[in-house]
Amino acid sequence: MLVRYFAAARAAAGTEAETVPLDAPALPRREVEVLLVARHPQPPSGQPPLAEVLARSSFLLDGVACPDPHAPVPDGAVLDVLPPFSGG
């Protein structure tokens, strides 16, 4: 799965994008979030923890809004992490 981080999510993860292998053909989005936090337990200096950013973010799964934390994320998917922009 390809994860692309935008704005504050990029800052908290310390990267624009990363390929994350899943241990199953698909995982619920919420489990993917847990996996991402485990991959980035410490934010870069001066940045919020990734867990905080993910808690207030929106997600696109293969370009489609994915508001359901139980939605399955397939191993070959693209997951975009979109934190609130402009304080919104």
PDB file of N, CA and C in Angstrom:
ATOM      1  N   MET A   1       0.854  -1.154   0.000  1.00  0.00           N
ATOM      2  CA  MET A   1       0.000   0.000   0.000  1.00  0.00           C
ATOM      3  C   MET A   1       0.905   1.223   0.000  1.00  0.00           C
ATOM      4  N   LEU A   2       0.508   2.231  -0.769  1.00  0.00           N
ATOM      5  CA  LEU A   2       1.221   3.495  -0.791  1.00  0.00           C
ATOM      6  C   LEU A   2       0.459   4.481   0.077  1.00  0.00           C
ATOM      7  N   VAL A   3       1.156   5.096   1.034  1.00  0.00           N
ATOM      8  CA  VAL A   3       0.555   6.122   1.890  1.00  0.00           C
ATOM      9  C   VAL A   3       1.193   7.448   1.509  1.00  0.00           C
ATOM     10  N   ARG A   4       0.352   8.429   1.194  1.00  0.00           N
ATOM     11  CA  ARG A   4       0.832   9.768   0.874  1.00  0.00           C
ATOM     12  C   ARG A   4       0.353  10.712   1.972  1.00  0.00           C
ATOM     13  N   TYR A   5       1.293  11.463   2.514  1.00  0.00           N
ATOM     14  CA  TYR A   5       1.007  12.383   3.610  1.00  0.00           C
ATOM     15  C   TYR A   5       1.010  13.813   3.084  1.00  0.00           C
ATOM     16  N   PHE A   6       0.074  14.612   3.567  1.00  0.00           N
ATOM     17  CA  PHE A   6      -0.015  16.005   3.152  1.00  0.00           C
ATOM     18  C   PHE A   6       0.054  16.912   4.377  1.00  0.00           C
ATOM     19  N   ALA A   7       0.615  18.109   4.190  1.00  0.00           N
ATOM     20  CA  ALA A   7       0.657  19.180   5.183  1.00  0.00           C
ATOM     21  C   ALA A   7       1.174  18.674   6.533  1.00  0.00           C
ATOM     22  N   ALA A   8       0.394  18.840   7.611  1.00  0.00           N
ATOM     23  CA  ALA A   8       0.836  18.470   8.958  1.00  0.00           C
ATOM     24  C   ALA A   8       1.125  16.972   9.070  1.00  0.00           C
ATOM     25  N   ALA A   9       0.446  16.153   8.296  1.00  0.00           N
ATOM     26  CA  ALA A   9       0.721  14.716   8.319  1.00  0.00           C
ATOM     27  C   ALA A   9       2.116  14.436   7.764  1.00  0.00           C
ATOM     28  N   ARG A  10       2.491  15.147   6.717  1.00  0.00           N
ATOM     29  CA  ARG A  10       3.834  15.009   6.148  1.00  0.00           C
ATOM     30  C   ARG A  10       4.875  15.411   7.190  1.00  0.00           C
ATOM     31  N   ALA A  11       4.623  16.504   7.883  1.00  0.00           N
ATOM     32  CA  ALA A  11       5.565  16.973   8.901  1.00  0.00           C
ATOM     33  C   ALA A  11       5.674  15.967  10.052  1.00  0.00           C
ATOM     34  N   ALA A  12       4.560  15.438  10.504  1.00  0.00           N
ATOM     35  CA  ALA A  12       4.558  14.502  11.634  1.00  0.00           C
ATOM     36  C   ALA A  12       5.208  13.168  11.278  1.00  0.00           C
ATOM     37  N   ALA A  13       5.001  12.711  10.045  1.00  0.00           N
ATOM     38  CA  ALA A  13       5.589  11.443   9.611  1.00  0.00           C
ATOM     39  C   ALA A  13       7.046  11.610   9.186  1.00  0.00           C
ATOM     40  N   GLY A  14       7.409  12.837   8.807  1.00  0.00           N
ATOM     41  CA  GLY A  14       8.774  13.082   8.351  1.00  0.00           C
ATOM     42  C   GLY A  14       9.030  12.601   6.942  1.00  0.00           C
ATOM     43  N   THR A  15       7.962  12.397   6.181  1.00  0.00           N
ATOM     44  CA  THR A  15       8.098  11.937   4.799  1.00  0.00           C
ATOM     45  C   THR A  15       6.850  12.315   4.007  1.00  0.00           C
ATOM     46  N   GLU A  16       7.002  12.426   2.684  1.00  0.00           N
ATOM     47  CA  GLU A  16       5.860  12.711   1.810  1.00  0.00           C
ATOM     48  C   GLU A  16       5.037  11.472   1.529  1.00  0.00           C
ATOM     49  N   ALA A  17       5.724  10.342   1.428  1.00  0.00           N
ATOM     50  CA  ALA A  17       5.045   9.096   1.059  1.00  0.00           C
ATOM     51  C   ALA A  17       5.902   7.916   1.477  1.00  0.00           C
ATOM     52  N   GLU A  18       5.244   6.786   1.614  1.00  0.00           N
ATOM     53  CA  GLU A  18       5.962   5.557   1.920  1.00  0.00           C
ATOM     54  C   GLU A  18       5.134   4.361   1.473  1.00  0.00           C
ATOM     55  N   THR A  19       5.838   3.310   1.141  1.00  0.00           N
ATOM     56  CA  THR A  19       5.187   2.052   0.823  1.00  0.00           C
ATOM     57  C   THR A  19       5.148   1.229   2.102  1.00  0.00           C
ATOM     58  N   VAL A  20       3.948   0.780   2.451  1.00  0.00           N
ATOM     59  CA  VAL A  20       3.751   0.026   3.690  1.00  0.00           C
ATOM     60  C   VAL A  20       3.180  -1.344   3.329  1.00  0.00           C
ATOM     61  N   PRO A  21       3.932  -2.400   3.564  1.00  0.00           N
ATOM     62  CA  PRO A  21       3.385  -3.728   3.306  1.00  0.00           C
ATOM     63  C   PRO A  21       2.358  -4.089   4.379  1.00  0.00           C
ATOM     64  N   LEU A  22       1.293  -4.704   3.952  1.00  0.00           N
ATOM     65  CA  LEU A  22       0.275  -5.170   4.894  1.00  0.00           C
ATOM     66  C   LEU A  22       0.458  -6.670   5.102  1.00  0.00           C
ATOM     67  N   ASP A  23       0.112  -7.137   6.292  1.00  0.00           N
ATOM     68  CA  ASP A  23       0.241  -8.559   6.611  1.00  0.00           C
ATOM     69  C   ASP A  23      -0.970  -9.365   6.177  1.00  0.00           C
ATOM     70  N   ALA A  24      -1.892  -8.706   5.458  1.00  0.00           N
ATOM     71  CA  ALA A  24      -3.121  -9.360   5.007  1.00  0.00           C
ATOM     72  C   ALA A  24      -3.505  -8.736   3.667  1.00  0.00           C
ATOM     73  N   PRO A  25      -4.398  -9.374   2.932  1.00  0.00           N
ATOM     74  CA  PRO A  25      -4.854  -8.776   1.670  1.00  0.00           C
ATOM     75  C   PRO A  25      -5.501  -7.402   1.871  1.00  0.00           C
ATOM     76  N   ALA A  26      -6.084  -7.171   3.054  1.00  0.00           N
ATOM     77  CA  ALA A  26      -6.687  -5.877   3.387  1.00  0.00           C
ATOM     78  C   ALA A  26      -6.761  -5.759   4.899  1.00  0.00           C
ATOM     79  N   LEU A  27      -6.689  -4.510   5.372  1.00  0.00           N
ATOM     80  CA  LEU A  27      -6.867  -4.223   6.796  1.00  0.00           C
ATOM     81  C   LEU A  27      -7.866  -3.090   6.937  1.00  0.00           C
ATOM     82  N   PRO A  28      -8.625  -3.049   8.029  1.00  0.00           N
ATOM     83  CA  PRO A  28      -9.486  -1.890   8.272  1.00  0.00           C
ATOM     84  C   PRO A  28      -8.630  -0.625   8.357  1.00  0.00           C
ATOM     85  N   ARG A  29      -9.173   0.481   7.889  1.00  0.00           N
ATOM     86  CA  ARG A  29      -8.417   1.732   7.905  1.00  0.00           C
ATOM     87  C   ARG A  29      -7.875   2.040   9.289  1.00  0.00           C
ATOM     88  N   ARG A  30      -8.637   1.794  10.327  1.00  0.00           N
ATOM     89  CA  ARG A  30      -8.192   2.070  11.687  1.00  0.00           C
ATOM     90  C   ARG A  30      -6.934   1.271  12.032  1.00  0.00           C
ATOM     91  N   GLU A  31      -6.852   0.024  11.586  1.00  0.00           N
ATOM     92  CA  GLU A  31      -5.657  -0.786  11.835  1.00  0.00           C
ATOM     93  C   GLU A  31      -4.465  -0.264  11.042  1.00  0.00           C
ATOM     94  N   VAL A  32      -4.731   0.272   9.867  1.00  0.00           N
ATOM     95  CA  VAL A  32      -3.665   0.893   9.079  1.00  0.00           C
ATOM     96  C   VAL A  32      -3.124   2.103   9.840  1.00  0.00           C
ATOM     97  N   GLU A  33      -4.007   2.898  10.439  1.00  0.00           N
ATOM     98  CA  GLU A  33      -3.569   4.054  11.227  1.00  0.00           C
ATOM     99  C   GLU A  33      -2.659   3.600  12.372  1.00  0.00           C
ATOM    100  N   VAL A  34      -3.035   2.527  13.073  1.00  0.00           N
ATOM    101  CA  VAL A  34      -2.218   1.996  14.166  1.00  0.00           C
ATOM    102  C   VAL A  34      -0.846   1.581  13.629  1.00  0.00           C
ATOM    103  N   LEU A  35      -0.827   0.947  12.479  1.00  0.00           N
ATOM    104  CA  LEU A  35       0.422   0.530  11.858  1.00  0.00           C
ATOM    105  C   LEU A  35       1.299   1.745  11.522  1.00  0.00           C
ATOM    106  N   LEU A  36       0.695   2.803  11.010  1.00  0.00           N
ATOM    107  CA  LEU A  36       1.455   4.007  10.658  1.00  0.00           C
ATOM    108  C   LEU A  36       2.049   4.663  11.895  1.00  0.00           C
ATOM    109  N   VAL A  37       1.282   4.731  12.967  1.00  0.00           N
ATOM    110  CA  VAL A  37       1.792   5.312  14.210  1.00  0.00           C
ATOM    111  C   VAL A  37       2.961   4.473  14.735  1.00  0.00           C
ATOM    112  N   ALA A  38       2.876   3.163  14.625  1.00  0.00           N
ATOM    113  CA  ALA A  38       3.972   2.302  15.071  1.00  0.00           C
ATOM    114  C   ALA A  38       5.229   2.527  14.234  1.00  0.00           C
ATOM    115  N   ARG A  39       5.061   2.856  12.963  1.00  0.00           N
ATOM    116  CA  ARG A  39       6.203   3.123  12.084  1.00  0.00           C
ATOM    117  C   ARG A  39       6.833   4.483  12.375  1.00  0.00           C
ATOM    118  N   HIS A  40       6.057   5.400  12.954  1.00  0.00           N
ATOM    119  CA  HIS A  40       6.521   6.760  13.224  1.00  0.00           C
ATOM    120  C   HIS A  40       6.185   7.144  14.671  1.00  0.00           C
ATOM    121  N   PRO A  41       6.797   6.466  15.650  1.00  0.00           N
ATOM    122  CA  PRO A  41       6.432   6.716  17.049  1.00  0.00           C
ATOM    123  C   PRO A  41       6.895   8.081  17.563  1.00  0.00           C
ATOM    124  N   GLN A  42       7.977   8.608  17.011  1.00  0.00           N
ATOM    125  CA  GLN A  42       8.495   9.908  17.439  1.00  0.00           C
ATOM    126  C   GLN A  42       8.479  10.877  16.264  1.00  0.00           C
ATOM    127  N   PRO A  43       7.789  12.008  16.418  1.00  0.00           N
ATOM    128  CA  PRO A  43       7.772  12.975  15.314  1.00  0.00           C
ATOM    129  C   PRO A  43       9.101  13.716  15.229  1.00  0.00           C
ATOM    130  N   PRO A  44       9.380  14.310  14.073  1.00  0.00           N
ATOM    131  CA  PRO A  44      10.546  15.187  13.992  1.00  0.00           C
ATOM    132  C   PRO A  44      10.408  16.320  15.010  1.00  0.00           C
ATOM    133  N   SER A  45      11.508  16.863  15.423  1.00  0.00           N
ATOM    134  CA  SER A  45      11.524  17.926  16.420  1.00  0.00           C
ATOM    135  C   SER A  45      10.566  19.057  16.056  1.00  0.00           C
ATOM    136  N   GLY A  46       9.740  19.433  17.022  1.00  0.00           N
ATOM    137  CA  GLY A  46       8.812  20.542  16.827  1.00  0.00           C
ATOM    138  C   GLY A  46       7.509  20.182  16.145  1.00  0.00           C
ATOM    139  N   GLN A  47       7.307  18.919  15.819  1.00  0.00           N
ATOM    140  CA  GLN A  47       6.097  18.486  15.129  1.00  0.00           C
ATOM    141  C   GLN A  47       5.193  17.701  16.081  1.00  0.00           C
ATOM    142  N   PRO A  48       3.877  17.714  15.825  1.00  0.00           N
ATOM    143  CA  PRO A  48       2.979  16.921  16.668  1.00  0.00           C
ATOM    144  C   PRO A  48       3.134  15.434  16.355  1.00  0.00           C
ATOM    145  N   PRO A  49       2.789  14.574  17.304  1.00  0.00           N
ATOM    146  CA  PRO A  49       2.826  13.135  17.032  1.00  0.00           C
ATOM    147  C   PRO A  49       1.864  12.766  15.896  1.00  0.00           C
ATOM    148  N   LEU A  50       2.251  11.792  15.109  1.00  0.00           N
ATOM    149  CA  LEU A  50       1.418  11.362  13.988  1.00  0.00           C
ATOM    150  C   LEU A  50       0.043  10.919  14.466  1.00  0.00           C
ATOM    151  N   ALA A  51      -0.041  10.278  15.628  1.00  0.00           N
ATOM    152  CA  ALA A  51      -1.339   9.832  16.142  1.00  0.00           C
ATOM    153  C   ALA A  51      -2.305  11.001  16.292  1.00  0.00           C
ATOM    154  N   GLU A  52      -1.823  12.141  16.772  1.00  0.00           N
ATOM    155  CA  GLU A  52      -2.680  13.331  16.910  1.00  0.00           C
ATOM    156  C   GLU A  52      -3.159  13.831  15.557  1.00  0.00           C
ATOM    157  N   VAL A  53      -2.266  13.834  14.597  1.00  0.00           N
ATOM    158  CA  VAL A  53      -2.621  14.316  13.254  1.00  0.00           C
ATOM    159  C   VAL A  53      -3.632  13.375  12.606  1.00  0.00           C
ATOM    160  N   LEU A  54      -3.411  12.075  12.726  1.00  0.00           N
ATOM    161  CA  LEU A  54      -4.332  11.113  12.121  1.00  0.00           C
ATOM    162  C   LEU A  54      -5.726  11.225  12.725  1.00  0.00           C
ATOM    163  N   ALA A  55      -5.804  11.526  14.012  1.00  0.00           N
ATOM    164  CA  ALA A  55      -7.101  11.606  14.700  1.00  0.00           C
ATOM    165  C   ALA A  55      -7.986  12.713  14.135  1.00  0.00           C
ATOM    166  N   ARG A  56      -7.383  13.720  13.543  1.00  0.00           N
ATOM    167  CA  ARG A  56      -8.180  14.823  12.999  1.00  0.00           C
ATOM    168  C   ARG A  56      -8.130  14.898  11.477  1.00  0.00           C
ATOM    169  N   SER A  57      -7.574  13.885  10.848  1.00  0.00           N
ATOM    170  CA  SER A  57      -7.401  13.874   9.397  1.00  0.00           C
ATOM    171  C   SER A  57      -8.572  13.234   8.665  1.00  0.00           C
ATOM    172  N   SER A  58      -8.655  13.565   7.389  1.00  0.00           N
ATOM    173  CA  SER A  58      -9.541  12.881   6.448  1.00  0.00           C
ATOM    174  C   SER A  58      -8.666  11.962   5.608  1.00  0.00           C
ATOM    175  N   PHE A  59      -9.300  10.965   5.016  1.00  0.00           N
ATOM    176  CA  PHE A  59      -8.552   9.983   4.228  1.00  0.00           C
ATOM    177  C   PHE A  59      -9.210   9.799   2.870  1.00  0.00           C
ATOM    178  N   LEU A  60      -8.373   9.635   1.859  1.00  0.00           N
ATOM    179  CA  LEU A  60      -8.830   9.232   0.533  1.00  0.00           C
ATOM    180  C   LEU A  60      -8.249   7.854   0.271  1.00  0.00           C
ATOM    181  N   LEU A  61      -9.088   6.949  -0.163  1.00  0.00           N
ATOM    182  CA  LEU A  61      -8.658   5.601  -0.518  1.00  0.00           C
ATOM    183  C   LEU A  61      -8.816   5.464  -2.019  1.00  0.00           C
ATOM    184  N   ASP A  62      -7.703   5.368  -2.719  1.00  0.00           N
ATOM    185  CA  ASP A  62      -7.698   5.335  -4.184  1.00  0.00           C
ATOM    186  C   ASP A  62      -8.501   6.498  -4.764  1.00  0.00           C
ATOM    187  N   GLY A  63      -8.339   7.683  -4.152  1.00  0.00           N
ATOM    188  CA  GLY A  63      -8.958   8.901  -4.657  1.00  0.00           C
ATOM    189  C   GLY A  63     -10.385   9.153  -4.226  1.00  0.00           C
ATOM    190  N   VAL A  64     -10.942   8.279  -3.390  1.00  0.00           N
ATOM    191  CA  VAL A  64     -12.335   8.400  -2.939  1.00  0.00           C
ATOM    192  C   VAL A  64     -12.346   8.599  -1.421  1.00  0.00           C
ATOM    193  N   ALA A  65     -13.173   9.518  -0.938  1.00  0.00           N
ATOM    194  CA  ALA A  65     -13.267   9.771   0.499  1.00  0.00           C
ATOM    195  C   ALA A  65     -13.511   8.462   1.246  1.00  0.00           C
ATOM    196  N   CYS A  66     -12.815   8.315   2.361  1.00  0.00           N
ATOM    197  CA  CYS A  66     -12.906   7.098   3.169  1.00  0.00           C
ATOM    198  C   CYS A  66     -13.126   7.488   4.633  1.00  0.00           C
ATOM    199  N   PRO A  67     -14.351   7.909   4.987  1.00  0.00           N
ATOM    200  CA  PRO A  67     -14.605   8.352   6.356  1.00  0.00           C
ATOM    201  C   PRO A  67     -14.777   7.212   7.366  1.00  0.00           C
ATOM    202  N   ASP A  68     -15.038   6.008   6.886  1.00  0.00           N
ATOM    203  CA  ASP A  68     -15.316   4.874   7.767  1.00  0.00           C
ATOM    204  C   ASP A  68     -14.019   4.231   8.247  1.00  0.00           C
ATOM    205  N   PRO A  69     -13.722   4.274   9.552  1.00  0.00           N
ATOM    206  CA  PRO A  69     -12.490   3.659  10.044  1.00  0.00           C
ATOM    207  C   PRO A  69     -12.467   2.139   9.901  1.00  0.00           C
ATOM    208  N   HIS A  70     -13.615   1.547   9.609  1.00  0.00           N
ATOM    209  CA  HIS A  70     -13.689   0.095   9.433  1.00  0.00           C
ATOM    210  C   HIS A  70     -13.592  -0.323   7.965  1.00  0.00           C
ATOM    211  N   ALA A  71     -13.493   0.647   7.055  1.00  0.00           N
ATOM    212  CA  ALA A  71     -13.400   0.339   5.621  1.00  0.00           C
ATOM    213  C   ALA A  71     -12.118  -0.439   5.343  1.00  0.00           C
ATOM    214  N   PRO A  72     -12.195  -1.478   4.538  1.00  0.00           N
ATOM    215  CA  PRO A  72     -11.000  -2.254   4.230  1.00  0.00           C
ATOM    216  C   PRO A  72     -10.067  -1.487   3.289  1.00  0.00           C
ATOM    217  N   VAL A  73      -8.793  -1.522   3.616  1.00  0.00           N
ATOM    218  CA  VAL A  73      -7.758  -0.922   2.782  1.00  0.00           C
ATOM    219  C   VAL A  73      -6.958  -2.066   2.171  1.00  0.00           C
ATOM    220  N   PRO A  74      -7.077  -2.278   0.855  1.00  0.00           N
ATOM    221  CA  PRO A  74      -6.347  -3.377   0.213  1.00  0.00           C
ATOM    222  C   PRO A  74      -4.846  -3.107   0.169  1.00  0.00           C
ATOM    223  N   ASP A  75      -4.077  -4.171   0.111  1.00  0.00           N
ATOM    224  CA  ASP A  75      -2.625  -4.065   0.116  1.00  0.00           C
ATOM    225  C   ASP A  75      -2.094  -3.192  -1.022  1.00  0.00           C
ATOM    226  N   GLY A  76      -2.703  -3.190  -2.175  1.00  0.00           N
ATOM    227  CA  GLY A  76      -2.204  -2.415  -3.312  1.00  0.00           C
ATOM    228  C   GLY A  76      -2.795  -1.021  -3.434  1.00  0.00           C
ATOM    229  N   ALA A  77      -3.493  -0.557  -2.417  1.00  0.00           N
ATOM    230  CA  ALA A  77      -4.205   0.725  -2.476  1.00  0.00           C
ATOM    231  C   ALA A  77      -3.261   1.917  -2.292  1.00  0.00           C
ATOM    232  N   VAL A  78      -3.818   3.099  -2.607  1.00  0.00           N
ATOM    233  CA  VAL A  78      -3.174   4.370  -2.285  1.00  0.00           C
ATOM    234  C   VAL A  78      -4.052   5.038  -1.241  1.00  0.00           C
ATOM    235  N   LEU A  79      -3.455   5.339  -0.090  1.00  0.00           N
ATOM    236  CA  LEU A  79      -4.173   5.989   0.997  1.00  0.00           C
ATOM    237  C   LEU A  79      -3.566   7.370   1.210  1.00  0.00           C
ATOM    238  N   ASP A  80      -4.378   8.411   1.019  1.00  0.00           N
ATOM    239  CA  ASP A  80      -3.935   9.783   1.235  1.00  0.00           C
ATOM    240  C   ASP A  80      -4.400  10.238   2.603  1.00  0.00           C
ATOM    241  N   VAL A  81      -3.490  10.866   3.354  1.00  0.00           N
ATOM    242  CA  VAL A  81      -3.793  11.394   4.687  1.00  0.00           C
ATOM    243  C   VAL A  81      -3.855  12.914   4.560  1.00  0.00           C
ATOM    244  N   LEU A  82      -5.045  13.466   4.804  1.00  0.00           N
ATOM    245  CA  LEU A  82      -5.303  14.894   4.611  1.00  0.00           C
ATOM    246  C   LEU A  82      -5.708  15.542   5.923  1.00  0.00           C
ATOM    247  N   PRO A  83      -4.789  16.169   6.628  1.00  0.00           N
ATOM    248  CA  PRO A  83      -5.168  16.871   7.845  1.00  0.00           C
ATOM    249  C   PRO A  83      -5.963  18.125   7.489  1.00  0.00           C
ATOM    250  N   PRO A  84      -6.626  18.729   8.461  1.00  0.00           N
ATOM    251  CA  PRO A  84      -7.346  19.972   8.186  1.00  0.00           C
ATOM    252  C   PRO A  84      -6.379  21.027   7.658  1.00  0.00           C
ATOM    253  N   PHE A  85      -6.806  21.759   6.647  1.00  0.00           N
ATOM    254  CA  PHE A  85      -5.983  22.805   6.073  1.00  0.00           C
ATOM    255  C   PHE A  85      -6.485  24.152   6.551  1.00  0.00           C
ATOM    256  N   SER A  86      -5.621  25.108   6.682  1.00  0.00           N
ATOM    257  CA  SER A  86      -5.959  26.496   7.050  1.00  0.00           C
ATOM    258  C   SER A  86      -6.773  26.550   8.331  1.00  0.00           C
ATOM    259  N   GLY A  87      -6.431  25.700   9.282  1.00  0.00           N
ATOM    260  CA  GLY A  87      -7.108  25.719  10.581  1.00  0.00           C
ATOM    261  C   GLY A  87      -8.498  25.141  10.573  1.00  0.00           C
ATOM    262  N   GLY A  88      -8.937  24.531   9.454  1.00  0.00           N
ATOM    263  CA  GLY A  88     -10.302  24.035   9.329  1.00  0.00           C
ATOM    264  C   GLY A  88     -10.528  22.698   9.768  1.00  0.00           C
TER     265      GLY A  88
END
